[in-house]
Every structure is written in structure tokens, then in C-alpha cells.
Amino acid sequence: MLKLAGNTGMMLLGMVIFLFTVSGGTLWYLGGMIQANLEEIRKQNESLEKLNAKTWGVEFVQDGNRKFLVLPYGKSAEVISFQGKEWVHLKE
């Protein structure tokens, strides 16, 4: 009877150690994935900041068949003809 209880206890201890090991490995793996994703988000934010600087804050929006240029706050636009085309002059 004592031998059976000892075997059961050792098996239970082994299962607990196994579960802790698997859980620790899973947490380590997911932590690495989260870190990689955060690094990718940081790079994308840097790219977005550079792109916004190049476009002066003007956003391009499409709603169904309609397309819009959205100006930043405090800006206005004037359409002028230049070199045979219509240009949008961005004003303060």
C-alpha cells in the first residue's frame, strides 16, 4: 500500500514538473513573439512618421467610389491651373 502511494506521488510530482516546464516554455516563446511584434510596430511607426512628414499631413481617403484628400487642421487649399493640369495649392 505504501509503495503504491509513493509511486502515485512520484507520478503526480513528475506531472506537475512537466506542466511547469511546458508552461514556462510556452511563456518564453510567447514573450519572444510579443517582443518581435513590438519591434515591428516600432519600425512601422517610424515609417509612418517619415511618410507623414513627406505628405505634409495630407491624408488620402477612399469611401466607396469617392476619393478625398483630407487636409490637416489649420490648412486650406486652392485649385490652380499649372502646366495644363489642375494643382492643389496648400495654404496655411
N, C-alpha and C. Protein backbone atom coordinates (compact mmCIF):
# COMPACT_ATOMS: atom_id res chain seq x y z
N MET A 1 0.82 -1.19 0.00
CA MET A 1 0.00 0.00 0.00
C MET A 1 0.87 1.25 0.00
N LEU A 2 1.93 1.25 0.82
CA LEU A 2 2.82 2.40 0.90
C LEU A 2 3.57 2.60 -0.41
N LYS A 3 3.94 1.48 -1.06
CA LYS A 3 4.66 1.56 -2.32
C LYS A 3 3.77 2.18 -3.39
N LEU A 4 2.48 1.83 -3.42
CA LEU A 4 1.53 2.37 -4.38
C LEU A 4 1.35 3.87 -4.17
N ALA A 5 1.28 4.30 -2.92
CA ALA A 5 1.15 5.72 -2.62
C ALA A 5 2.40 6.48 -3.05
N GLY A 6 3.57 5.87 -2.86
CA GLY A 6 4.82 6.50 -3.27
C GLY A 6 4.90 6.65 -4.78
N ASN A 7 4.49 5.61 -5.51
CA ASN A 7 4.51 5.68 -6.98
C ASN A 7 3.53 6.74 -7.49
N THR A 8 2.36 6.80 -6.88
CA THR A 8 1.36 7.79 -7.29
C THR A 8 1.87 9.20 -7.01
N GLY A 9 2.50 9.37 -5.85
CA GLY A 9 3.04 10.69 -5.50
C GLY A 9 4.15 11.11 -6.45
N MET A 10 5.03 10.17 -6.80
CA MET A 10 6.12 10.49 -7.73
C MET A 10 5.56 10.81 -9.12
N MET A 11 4.53 10.08 -9.54
CA MET A 11 3.93 10.34 -10.85
C MET A 11 3.27 11.73 -10.85
N LEU A 12 2.60 12.05 -9.76
CA LEU A 12 1.96 13.36 -9.64
C LEU A 12 3.00 14.47 -9.64
N LEU A 13 4.09 14.27 -8.91
CA LEU A 13 5.18 15.25 -8.89
C LEU A 13 5.78 15.41 -10.28
N GLY A 14 5.97 14.31 -10.98
CA GLY A 14 6.51 14.37 -12.34
C GLY A 14 5.58 15.12 -13.28
N MET A 15 4.29 14.91 -13.14
CA MET A 15 3.32 15.62 -13.99
C MET A 15 3.32 17.11 -13.69
N VAL A 16 3.42 17.47 -12.42
CA VAL A 16 3.46 18.89 -12.05
C VAL A 16 4.72 19.55 -12.62
N ILE A 17 5.87 18.88 -12.50
CA ILE A 17 7.12 19.43 -13.05
C ILE A 17 7.01 19.55 -14.57
N PHE A 18 6.42 18.54 -15.21
CA PHE A 18 6.24 18.59 -16.66
C PHE A 18 5.36 19.77 -17.06
N LEU A 19 4.25 19.97 -16.34
CA LEU A 19 3.35 21.08 -16.66
C LEU A 19 4.03 22.44 -16.45
N PHE A 20 4.81 22.57 -15.38
CA PHE A 20 5.54 23.82 -15.16
C PHE A 20 6.56 24.06 -16.28
N THR A 21 7.23 23.00 -16.71
CA THR A 21 8.22 23.13 -17.78
C THR A 21 7.55 23.55 -19.09
N VAL A 22 6.45 22.89 -19.42
CA VAL A 22 5.72 23.23 -20.65
C VAL A 22 5.18 24.66 -20.57
N SER A 23 4.62 25.03 -19.43
CA SER A 23 4.09 26.38 -19.26
C SER A 23 5.20 27.42 -19.37
N GLY A 24 6.33 27.15 -18.75
CA GLY A 24 7.46 28.08 -18.83
C GLY A 24 7.97 28.24 -20.25
N GLY A 25 8.06 27.13 -20.98
CA GLY A 25 8.49 27.18 -22.38
C GLY A 25 7.51 27.95 -23.24
N THR A 26 6.23 27.74 -22.99
CA THR A 26 5.21 28.47 -23.75
C THR A 26 5.29 29.96 -23.46
N LEU A 27 5.43 30.33 -22.19
CA LEU A 27 5.55 31.75 -21.85
C LEU A 27 6.81 32.37 -22.45
N TRP A 28 7.91 31.64 -22.46
CA TRP A 28 9.15 32.14 -23.05
C TRP A 28 8.97 32.37 -24.55
N TYR A 29 8.34 31.41 -25.23
CA TYR A 29 8.10 31.52 -26.67
C TYR A 29 7.18 32.70 -26.98
N LEU A 30 6.07 32.82 -26.25
CA LEU A 30 5.13 33.91 -26.49
C LEU A 30 5.75 35.26 -26.16
N GLY A 31 6.59 35.31 -25.14
CA GLY A 31 7.29 36.55 -24.82
C GLY A 31 8.19 37.00 -25.96
N GLY A 32 8.87 36.04 -26.58
CA GLY A 32 9.70 36.36 -27.74
C GLY A 32 8.87 36.85 -28.91
N MET A 33 7.71 36.23 -29.13
CA MET A 33 6.83 36.67 -30.22
C MET A 33 6.30 38.08 -29.96
N ILE A 34 5.93 38.37 -28.71
CA ILE A 34 5.44 39.70 -28.37
C ILE A 34 6.54 40.73 -28.57
N GLN A 35 7.75 40.41 -28.17
CA GLN A 35 8.88 41.33 -28.33
C GLN A 35 9.13 41.61 -29.81
N ALA A 36 9.08 40.58 -30.65
CA ALA A 36 9.28 40.75 -32.09
C ALA A 36 8.17 41.61 -32.69
N ASN A 37 6.94 41.40 -32.24
CA ASN A 37 5.82 42.20 -32.75
C ASN A 37 5.94 43.65 -32.32
N LEU A 38 6.37 43.90 -31.09
CA LEU A 38 6.56 45.28 -30.63
C LEU A 38 7.65 45.98 -31.43
N GLU A 39 8.70 45.27 -31.77
CA GLU A 39 9.78 45.84 -32.60
C GLU A 39 9.25 46.18 -33.99
N GLU A 40 8.43 45.31 -34.55
CA GLU A 40 7.84 45.56 -35.88
C GLU A 40 6.91 46.78 -35.83
N ILE A 41 6.13 46.91 -34.77
CA ILE A 41 5.25 48.07 -34.61
C ILE A 41 6.07 49.35 -34.50
N ARG A 42 7.18 49.30 -33.78
CA ARG A 42 8.04 50.48 -33.64
C ARG A 42 8.59 50.90 -35.00
N LYS A 43 9.03 49.92 -35.80
CA LYS A 43 9.55 50.24 -37.14
C LYS A 43 8.46 50.83 -38.03
N GLN A 44 7.25 50.28 -37.93
CA GLN A 44 6.15 50.80 -38.74
C GLN A 44 5.77 52.21 -38.32
N ASN A 45 5.81 52.51 -37.02
CA ASN A 45 5.53 53.87 -36.56
C ASN A 45 6.57 54.85 -37.07
N GLU A 46 7.84 54.44 -37.11
CA GLU A 46 8.88 55.30 -37.66
C GLU A 46 8.63 55.56 -39.14
N SER A 47 8.25 54.53 -39.88
CA SER A 47 7.94 54.69 -41.30
C SER A 47 6.75 55.61 -41.50
N LEU A 48 5.73 55.48 -40.65
CA LEU A 48 4.55 56.34 -40.75
C LEU A 48 4.90 57.79 -40.48
N GLU A 49 5.74 58.04 -39.49
CA GLU A 49 6.17 59.41 -39.19
C GLU A 49 6.92 60.02 -40.38
N LYS A 50 7.80 59.23 -41.01
CA LYS A 50 8.53 59.72 -42.18
C LYS A 50 7.58 60.00 -43.33
N LEU A 51 6.60 59.13 -43.54
CA LEU A 51 5.63 59.31 -44.61
C LEU A 51 4.77 60.55 -44.37
N ASN A 52 4.34 60.75 -43.13
CA ASN A 52 3.54 61.94 -42.80
C ASN A 52 4.34 63.21 -43.03
N ALA A 53 5.64 63.18 -42.75
CA ALA A 53 6.48 64.35 -42.98
C ALA A 53 6.58 64.65 -44.47
N LYS A 54 6.64 63.62 -45.30
CA LYS A 54 6.74 63.81 -46.75
C LYS A 54 5.43 64.29 -47.37
N THR A 55 4.29 63.97 -46.76
CA THR A 55 2.99 64.34 -47.33
C THR A 55 2.39 65.57 -46.65
N TRP A 56 3.14 66.23 -45.78
CA TRP A 56 2.73 67.44 -45.06
C TRP A 56 1.45 67.23 -44.26
N GLY A 57 1.17 66.02 -43.86
CA GLY A 57 -0.01 65.73 -43.06
C GLY A 57 -1.28 65.52 -43.86
N VAL A 58 -1.21 65.59 -45.20
CA VAL A 58 -2.38 65.36 -46.04
C VAL A 58 -2.68 63.86 -46.05
N GLU A 59 -3.95 63.51 -45.85
CA GLU A 59 -4.35 62.11 -45.85
C GLU A 59 -5.16 61.80 -47.10
N PHE A 60 -5.03 60.58 -47.59
CA PHE A 60 -5.79 60.12 -48.75
C PHE A 60 -6.84 59.13 -48.24
N VAL A 61 -8.13 59.41 -48.54
CA VAL A 61 -9.21 58.57 -48.04
C VAL A 61 -10.10 58.17 -49.21
N GLN A 62 -10.50 56.90 -49.23
CA GLN A 62 -11.42 56.42 -50.26
C GLN A 62 -12.65 55.86 -49.57
N ASP A 63 -13.83 56.32 -50.03
CA ASP A 63 -15.10 55.88 -49.47
C ASP A 63 -15.96 55.37 -50.63
N GLY A 64 -15.95 54.08 -50.84
CA GLY A 64 -16.68 53.53 -51.99
C GLY A 64 -16.02 53.97 -53.28
N ASN A 65 -16.77 54.70 -54.10
CA ASN A 65 -16.24 55.19 -55.37
C ASN A 65 -15.66 56.59 -55.25
N ARG A 66 -15.81 57.22 -54.09
CA ARG A 66 -15.32 58.59 -53.91
C ARG A 66 -13.93 58.58 -53.31
N LYS A 67 -13.11 59.55 -53.74
CA LYS A 67 -11.75 59.69 -53.22
C LYS A 67 -11.59 61.11 -52.70
N PHE A 68 -10.89 61.24 -51.56
CA PHE A 68 -10.73 62.53 -50.91
C PHE A 68 -9.28 62.77 -50.51
N LEU A 69 -8.89 64.03 -50.50
CA LEU A 69 -7.66 64.48 -49.85
C LEU A 69 -8.10 65.21 -48.60
N VAL A 70 -7.67 64.74 -47.44
CA VAL A 70 -8.06 65.35 -46.17
C VAL A 70 -6.89 66.21 -45.70
N LEU A 71 -7.16 67.50 -45.53
CA LEU A 71 -6.11 68.44 -45.13
C LEU A 71 -5.97 68.47 -43.62
N PRO A 72 -4.77 68.74 -43.13
CA PRO A 72 -4.59 68.87 -41.67
C PRO A 72 -5.29 70.12 -41.15
N TYR A 73 -5.56 70.14 -39.86
CA TYR A 73 -6.22 71.29 -39.24
C TYR A 73 -5.39 72.55 -39.46
N GLY A 74 -6.08 73.65 -39.74
CA GLY A 74 -5.41 74.93 -39.94
C GLY A 74 -4.92 75.15 -41.36
N LYS A 75 -5.16 74.20 -42.25
CA LYS A 75 -4.73 74.33 -43.64
C LYS A 75 -5.95 74.50 -44.53
N SER A 76 -5.76 75.18 -45.66
CA SER A 76 -6.80 75.28 -46.67
C SER A 76 -6.17 75.01 -48.03
N ALA A 77 -7.01 74.85 -49.05
CA ALA A 77 -6.50 74.50 -50.37
C ALA A 77 -7.11 75.41 -51.42
N GLU A 78 -6.33 75.65 -52.46
CA GLU A 78 -6.79 76.42 -53.61
C GLU A 78 -6.37 75.64 -54.85
N VAL A 79 -7.31 75.46 -55.78
CA VAL A 79 -7.01 74.75 -57.01
C VAL A 79 -6.55 75.76 -58.05
N ILE A 80 -5.37 75.53 -58.62
CA ILE A 80 -4.83 76.42 -59.65
C ILE A 80 -4.45 75.59 -60.87
N SER A 81 -4.47 76.25 -62.03
CA SER A 81 -4.03 75.59 -63.26
C SER A 81 -2.55 75.86 -63.44
N PHE A 82 -1.79 74.82 -63.72
CA PHE A 82 -0.35 74.96 -63.91
C PHE A 82 0.10 73.86 -64.86
N GLN A 83 0.79 74.25 -65.88
CA GLN A 83 1.33 73.32 -66.88
C GLN A 83 0.24 72.41 -67.46
N GLY A 84 -0.94 72.99 -67.69
CA GLY A 84 -2.02 72.24 -68.30
C GLY A 84 -2.74 71.28 -67.38
N LYS A 85 -2.44 71.32 -66.09
CA LYS A 85 -3.10 70.44 -65.12
C LYS A 85 -3.63 71.27 -63.97
N GLU A 86 -4.55 70.69 -63.21
CA GLU A 86 -5.05 71.35 -62.02
C GLU A 86 -4.22 70.90 -60.82
N TRP A 87 -3.67 71.88 -60.13
CA TRP A 87 -2.85 71.62 -58.95
C TRP A 87 -3.60 72.12 -57.72
N VAL A 88 -3.34 71.50 -56.59
CA VAL A 88 -3.93 71.95 -55.33
C VAL A 88 -2.82 72.64 -54.54
N HIS A 89 -3.05 73.94 -54.28
CA HIS A 89 -2.08 74.74 -53.52
C HIS A 89 -2.49 74.70 -52.05
N LEU A 90 -1.62 74.17 -51.20
CA LEU A 90 -1.88 74.05 -49.77
C LEU A 90 -1.48 75.34 -49.08
N LYS A 91 -2.42 75.95 -48.34
CA LYS A 91 -2.16 77.23 -47.68
C LYS A 91 -2.27 77.07 -46.17
N GLU A 92 -1.57 77.96 -45.48
CA GLU A 92 -1.64 78.00 -44.01
C GLU A 92 -2.94 78.65 -43.59
